[in-house]
Amino acid sequence: MGKASRNKLERMGRTVSVTHEPEEPQNWPHGHVGVELTDPDEDECIEVTIHGVRHYLHSTTARELSNMLVTKIDEWNGTAEKAGFHGV
C-alpha cells in the first residue's frame, strides 16, 4: 500500500497537524512528552502525548514507534558524533 501525500489527505478532509519544539523548554520533559496506560474501557492500551496532542495506540504500534525512534536516534548520534558533538 502506498503512502498518501499530505495534500491528498487534506483533500480527503483529514486534518494534518504539525508541531515543533517550543522556543523555551516547558517543564522538561513532562511538558513535552508523556506516556500512560489507558483506562480499560479504551480500545487502545497506550496513550502518548506530544506537545499537548494525545495519541491512543495499540501496544504493537507503540512498540514499532519505539523501535523506529531508537533507530533514528542512533542514526542521529552517528551524525552528531562525526561532527564532534555528543549523542543523546
N, C-alpha and C. Protein backbone atom coordinates (compact mmCIF):
# COMPACT_ATOMS: atom_id res chain seq x y z
N MET A 1 0.85 -1.17 0.00
CA MET A 1 0.00 0.00 0.00
C MET A 1 0.89 1.23 0.00
N GLY A 2 0.59 2.19 -0.89
CA GLY A 2 1.37 3.41 -0.98
C GLY A 2 1.02 4.41 0.10
N LYS A 3 1.86 5.39 0.24
CA LYS A 3 1.63 6.44 1.23
C LYS A 3 0.80 7.55 0.60
N ALA A 4 -0.15 8.07 1.34
CA ALA A 4 -0.94 9.20 0.87
C ALA A 4 -0.15 10.48 1.11
N SER A 5 -0.16 11.36 0.12
CA SER A 5 0.55 12.63 0.30
C SER A 5 -0.25 13.52 1.23
N ARG A 6 0.42 14.52 1.78
CA ARG A 6 -0.24 15.45 2.69
C ARG A 6 -1.42 16.14 1.99
N ASN A 7 -1.21 16.59 0.74
CA ASN A 7 -2.29 17.26 0.02
C ASN A 7 -3.47 16.33 -0.21
N LYS A 8 -3.19 15.07 -0.53
CA LYS A 8 -4.27 14.10 -0.73
C LYS A 8 -5.07 13.91 0.55
N LEU A 9 -4.36 13.80 1.68
CA LEU A 9 -5.05 13.65 2.96
C LEU A 9 -5.92 14.87 3.24
N GLU A 10 -5.40 16.06 2.94
CA GLU A 10 -6.18 17.28 3.16
C GLU A 10 -7.41 17.31 2.26
N ARG A 11 -7.26 16.88 1.00
CA ARG A 11 -8.40 16.84 0.08
C ARG A 11 -9.46 15.86 0.55
N MET A 12 -9.03 14.80 1.24
CA MET A 12 -9.96 13.79 1.75
C MET A 12 -10.64 14.27 3.02
N GLY A 13 -10.31 15.48 3.47
CA GLY A 13 -10.94 16.01 4.66
C GLY A 13 -10.26 15.61 5.96
N ARG A 14 -9.11 15.01 5.87
CA ARG A 14 -8.37 14.62 7.08
C ARG A 14 -7.44 15.75 7.47
N THR A 15 -7.45 16.10 8.72
CA THR A 15 -6.59 17.17 9.22
C THR A 15 -5.19 16.63 9.45
N VAL A 16 -4.22 17.38 8.99
CA VAL A 16 -2.82 17.05 9.21
C VAL A 16 -2.26 18.11 10.14
N SER A 17 -1.76 17.70 11.29
CA SER A 17 -1.22 18.64 12.26
C SER A 17 0.30 18.56 12.28
N VAL A 18 0.91 19.69 12.52
CA VAL A 18 2.36 19.76 12.65
C VAL A 18 2.67 20.47 13.95
N THR A 19 3.59 19.90 14.73
CA THR A 19 4.04 20.57 15.95
C THR A 19 5.56 20.68 15.89
N HIS A 20 6.07 21.67 16.59
CA HIS A 20 7.51 21.86 16.72
C HIS A 20 7.84 22.05 18.19
N GLU A 21 9.11 21.90 18.52
CA GLU A 21 9.54 22.14 19.88
C GLU A 21 9.26 23.60 20.24
N PRO A 22 8.83 23.86 21.48
CA PRO A 22 8.65 25.26 21.87
C PRO A 22 10.00 25.97 21.92
N GLU A 23 9.98 27.29 21.77
CA GLU A 23 11.22 28.07 21.79
C GLU A 23 11.97 27.89 23.10
N GLU A 24 11.24 27.82 24.21
CA GLU A 24 11.83 27.61 25.53
C GLU A 24 11.28 26.30 26.11
N PRO A 25 12.12 25.49 26.74
CA PRO A 25 11.62 24.27 27.36
C PRO A 25 10.50 24.57 28.36
N GLN A 26 9.50 23.71 28.38
CA GLN A 26 8.37 23.88 29.28
C GLN A 26 8.23 22.64 30.15
N ASN A 27 8.73 22.74 31.39
CA ASN A 27 8.66 21.61 32.33
C ASN A 27 9.26 20.34 31.72
N TRP A 28 10.50 20.47 31.26
CA TRP A 28 11.18 19.34 30.61
C TRP A 28 11.28 18.13 31.52
N PRO A 29 11.03 16.92 31.08
CA PRO A 29 10.49 16.52 29.78
C PRO A 29 8.96 16.43 29.77
N HIS A 30 8.35 16.53 30.95
CA HIS A 30 6.91 16.26 31.07
C HIS A 30 6.04 17.26 30.34
N GLY A 31 6.52 18.47 30.12
CA GLY A 31 5.75 19.44 29.36
C GLY A 31 5.83 19.21 27.86
N HIS A 32 6.69 18.28 27.45
CA HIS A 32 6.88 18.00 26.02
C HIS A 32 6.28 16.65 25.64
N VAL A 33 6.52 15.63 26.45
CA VAL A 33 6.06 14.29 26.12
C VAL A 33 5.54 13.57 27.36
N GLY A 34 4.66 12.64 27.14
CA GLY A 34 4.16 11.81 28.23
C GLY A 34 3.62 10.50 27.70
N VAL A 35 3.71 9.47 28.51
CA VAL A 35 3.21 8.15 28.12
C VAL A 35 2.48 7.56 29.31
N GLU A 36 1.28 7.07 29.08
CA GLU A 36 0.46 6.46 30.13
C GLU A 36 -0.23 5.22 29.57
N LEU A 37 -0.62 4.34 30.46
CA LEU A 37 -1.53 3.26 30.08
C LEU A 37 -2.94 3.83 30.06
N THR A 38 -3.77 3.37 29.15
CA THR A 38 -5.13 3.88 29.06
C THR A 38 -6.04 3.15 30.04
N ASP A 39 -7.23 3.70 30.22
CA ASP A 39 -8.25 3.04 31.03
C ASP A 39 -8.69 1.76 30.32
N PRO A 40 -9.17 0.78 31.09
CA PRO A 40 -9.58 -0.50 30.49
C PRO A 40 -10.70 -0.37 29.45
N ASP A 41 -11.48 0.71 29.49
CA ASP A 41 -12.58 0.84 28.53
C ASP A 41 -12.13 1.39 27.17
N GLU A 42 -10.87 1.76 27.02
CA GLU A 42 -10.34 2.23 25.73
C GLU A 42 -9.95 1.03 24.88
N ASP A 43 -10.10 1.16 23.56
CA ASP A 43 -9.68 0.10 22.64
C ASP A 43 -8.16 -0.02 22.59
N GLU A 44 -7.47 1.12 22.67
CA GLU A 44 -6.02 1.12 22.63
C GLU A 44 -5.49 1.09 24.07
N CYS A 45 -4.24 0.66 24.24
CA CYS A 45 -3.74 0.49 25.60
C CYS A 45 -2.66 1.49 26.00
N ILE A 46 -2.16 2.27 25.05
CA ILE A 46 -1.10 3.23 25.35
C ILE A 46 -1.55 4.63 24.92
N GLU A 47 -1.33 5.60 25.81
CA GLU A 47 -1.62 7.00 25.48
C GLU A 47 -0.29 7.73 25.43
N VAL A 48 0.01 8.34 24.29
CA VAL A 48 1.23 9.12 24.10
C VAL A 48 0.82 10.57 23.87
N THR A 49 1.36 11.48 24.66
CA THR A 49 1.08 12.90 24.48
C THR A 49 2.37 13.59 24.06
N ILE A 50 2.30 14.32 22.94
CA ILE A 50 3.44 15.07 22.44
C ILE A 50 2.98 16.50 22.23
N HIS A 51 3.58 17.42 22.98
CA HIS A 51 3.24 18.85 22.90
C HIS A 51 1.74 19.07 23.00
N GLY A 52 1.12 18.38 23.93
CA GLY A 52 -0.29 18.59 24.21
C GLY A 52 -1.25 17.84 23.31
N VAL A 53 -0.76 17.12 22.32
CA VAL A 53 -1.61 16.35 21.42
C VAL A 53 -1.58 14.89 21.86
N ARG A 54 -2.75 14.36 22.19
CA ARG A 54 -2.87 12.99 22.69
C ARG A 54 -3.06 12.01 21.55
N HIS A 55 -2.34 10.89 21.63
CA HIS A 55 -2.44 9.83 20.63
C HIS A 55 -2.71 8.53 21.38
N TYR A 56 -3.70 7.77 20.93
CA TYR A 56 -4.01 6.48 21.53
C TYR A 56 -3.52 5.39 20.58
N LEU A 57 -2.66 4.50 21.10
CA LEU A 57 -2.02 3.49 20.28
C LEU A 57 -2.24 2.09 20.82
N HIS A 58 -2.30 1.12 19.91
CA HIS A 58 -2.23 -0.28 20.33
C HIS A 58 -0.80 -0.55 20.75
N SER A 59 -0.59 -1.54 21.57
CA SER A 59 0.76 -1.83 22.06
C SER A 59 1.72 -2.17 20.92
N THR A 60 1.23 -2.83 19.88
CA THR A 60 2.10 -3.17 18.75
C THR A 60 2.56 -1.91 18.00
N THR A 61 1.66 -0.95 17.86
CA THR A 61 2.02 0.32 17.21
C THR A 61 3.02 1.08 18.08
N ALA A 62 2.78 1.10 19.39
CA ALA A 62 3.69 1.78 20.30
C ALA A 62 5.07 1.15 20.26
N ARG A 63 5.15 -0.18 20.18
CA ARG A 63 6.45 -0.87 20.10
C ARG A 63 7.17 -0.49 18.82
N GLU A 64 6.46 -0.48 17.71
CA GLU A 64 7.09 -0.12 16.44
C GLU A 64 7.56 1.33 16.44
N LEU A 65 6.76 2.23 17.03
CA LEU A 65 7.19 3.62 17.17
C LEU A 65 8.47 3.69 17.98
N SER A 66 8.53 2.96 19.07
CA SER A 66 9.72 2.93 19.91
C SER A 66 10.92 2.42 19.11
N ASN A 67 10.75 1.33 18.38
CA ASN A 67 11.85 0.77 17.58
C ASN A 67 12.34 1.77 16.54
N MET A 68 11.40 2.43 15.86
CA MET A 68 11.77 3.40 14.83
C MET A 68 12.48 4.61 15.43
N LEU A 69 12.01 5.06 16.59
CA LEU A 69 12.67 6.19 17.25
C LEU A 69 14.10 5.84 17.65
N VAL A 70 14.30 4.66 18.23
CA VAL A 70 15.65 4.25 18.63
C VAL A 70 16.56 4.17 17.41
N THR A 71 16.07 3.64 16.31
CA THR A 71 16.87 3.56 15.09
C THR A 71 17.29 4.94 14.61
N LYS A 72 16.34 5.88 14.57
CA LYS A 72 16.65 7.23 14.09
C LYS A 72 17.54 7.99 15.08
N ILE A 73 17.36 7.77 16.37
CA ILE A 73 18.22 8.42 17.36
C ILE A 73 19.65 7.90 17.21
N ASP A 74 19.81 6.60 17.01
CA ASP A 74 21.15 6.04 16.79
C ASP A 74 21.78 6.64 15.54
N GLU A 75 20.97 6.80 14.49
CA GLU A 75 21.46 7.40 13.25
C GLU A 75 21.88 8.86 13.50
N TRP A 76 21.06 9.59 14.23
CA TRP A 76 21.37 10.98 14.57
C TRP A 76 22.66 11.06 15.39
N ASN A 77 22.81 10.16 16.35
CA ASN A 77 24.01 10.14 17.18
C ASN A 77 25.26 9.97 16.33
N GLY A 78 25.20 9.09 15.34
CA GLY A 78 26.35 8.91 14.45
C GLY A 78 26.70 10.19 13.71
N THR A 79 25.67 10.88 13.23
CA THR A 79 25.88 12.16 12.52
C THR A 79 26.46 13.20 13.47
N ALA A 80 25.89 13.28 14.67
CA ALA A 80 26.36 14.27 15.65
C ALA A 80 27.81 14.00 16.05
N GLU A 81 28.13 12.73 16.30
CA GLU A 81 29.49 12.39 16.74
C GLU A 81 30.52 12.66 15.65
N LYS A 82 30.15 12.43 14.39
CA LYS A 82 31.06 12.73 13.27
C LYS A 82 31.35 14.23 13.20
N ALA A 83 30.39 15.04 13.65
CA ALA A 83 30.55 16.49 13.64
C ALA A 83 31.19 17.00 14.93
N GLY A 84 31.57 16.09 15.83
CA GLY A 84 32.25 16.47 17.06
C GLY A 84 31.35 16.77 18.24
N PHE A 85 30.07 16.40 18.13
CA PHE A 85 29.13 16.63 19.23
C PHE A 85 28.83 15.32 19.93
N HIS A 86 28.30 15.43 21.14
CA HIS A 86 27.88 14.22 21.88
C HIS A 86 26.52 13.77 21.38
N GLY A 87 26.30 12.49 21.40
CA GLY A 87 25.00 11.94 21.07
C GLY A 87 24.08 12.03 22.28
N VAL A 88 22.89 11.56 22.11
CA VAL A 88 21.91 11.55 23.23
C VAL A 88 21.66 10.13 23.67
